[in-house]
Protein backbone atom coordinates (compact mmCIF):
# COMPACT_ATOMS: atom_id res chain seq x y z
CA MET A 1 -17.26 -56.55 14.61
CA ASN A 2 -20.45 -58.30 13.49
CA ARG A 3 -21.31 -55.57 10.99
CA TYR A 4 -17.81 -55.76 9.55
CA ARG A 5 -18.12 -59.55 9.18
CA GLU A 6 -21.56 -59.20 7.56
CA ALA A 7 -20.26 -56.62 5.09
CA MET A 8 -17.26 -58.76 4.22
CA SER A 9 -19.44 -61.86 3.76
CA LEU A 10 -21.43 -59.94 1.18
CA ALA A 11 -18.22 -58.72 -0.47
CA MET A 12 -16.88 -62.30 -0.56
CA ALA A 13 -20.10 -63.49 -2.22
CA MET A 14 -19.72 -60.71 -4.80
CA LEU A 15 -16.12 -61.76 -5.40
CA ASP A 16 -17.12 -65.41 -5.82
CA GLU A 17 -19.81 -64.42 -8.34
CA GLY A 18 -17.34 -62.31 -10.33
CA ILE A 19 -19.20 -59.06 -9.59
CA ILE A 20 -16.07 -57.47 -8.10
CA THR A 21 -12.36 -58.11 -8.54
CA GLU A 22 -9.88 -59.12 -5.82
CA SER A 23 -8.52 -55.58 -5.90
CA GLU A 24 -12.00 -54.19 -5.28
CA TYR A 25 -12.54 -56.74 -2.50
CA HIS A 26 -9.37 -55.57 -0.74
CA LYS A 27 -10.44 -51.95 -1.11
CA ILE A 28 -13.83 -52.77 0.43
CA ASP A 29 -12.03 -54.65 3.21
CA ARG A 30 -9.87 -51.62 4.09
CA ILE A 31 -12.84 -49.24 4.00
CA MET A 32 -15.07 -51.49 6.13
CA ALA A 33 -12.28 -52.19 8.62
CA GLU A 34 -11.68 -48.47 9.07
CA LYS A 35 -15.40 -47.76 9.38
CA HIS A 36 -15.93 -50.50 11.98
CA GLY A 37 -12.65 -50.08 13.88
CA VAL A 38 -11.16 -53.44 12.89
CA ASN A 39 -7.38 -53.83 12.80
CA LEU A 40 -6.66 -55.95 9.72
CA SER A 41 -3.38 -57.19 11.19
CA GLU A 42 -5.32 -59.03 13.89
CA ILE A 43 -6.64 -62.55 13.46
CA TRP A 44 -10.23 -61.28 13.19
CA GLY A 45 -9.77 -60.00 9.65
CA LEU A 46 -11.65 -61.96 6.99
CA ASN A 47 -8.73 -62.39 4.62
CA PRO A 48 -8.62 -66.04 3.60
CA LEU A 49 -5.34 -67.21 2.15
CA ILE A 50 -7.06 -68.80 -0.85
CA TYR A 51 -10.06 -67.11 -2.48
CA LYS A 52 -10.96 -69.54 -5.21
CA ASP A 53 -10.54 -73.24 -5.93
CA ILE A 54 -8.14 -72.52 -8.80
CA ARG A 55 -5.71 -70.67 -6.52
CA GLY A 56 -4.85 -73.70 -4.36
CA ASN A 57 -1.87 -75.95 -4.92
CA ILE A 58 -3.90 -79.18 -5.16
CA PRO A 59 -6.54 -79.54 -7.90
CA SER A 60 -10.00 -80.02 -6.42
CA ASP A 61 -10.79 -82.89 -8.80
CA GLU A 62 -7.72 -84.90 -7.83
CA LYS A 63 -8.51 -88.10 -5.94
CA ARG A 64 -6.43 -88.91 -2.91
C-alpha cells in the first residue's frame, strides 16, 4: 500500500505541475493499483474529489 501511495503522490505532483493530464493520472492510478493489489473501490484509493482549486464550487479568493 505504501508504494502505491508514494507512486500516486508523485503522479499527483505531476498533475499539479501540468506535466500529465487528468486522463493520464487516472491511467497511472489504474496501473499502479493493479501492480500493488489495491482495489480502487475501497476508501484507500487516492482519488480526491477535487484536483485543482478551479474545480471547486467556491472561489478560493472569496472572503467569508
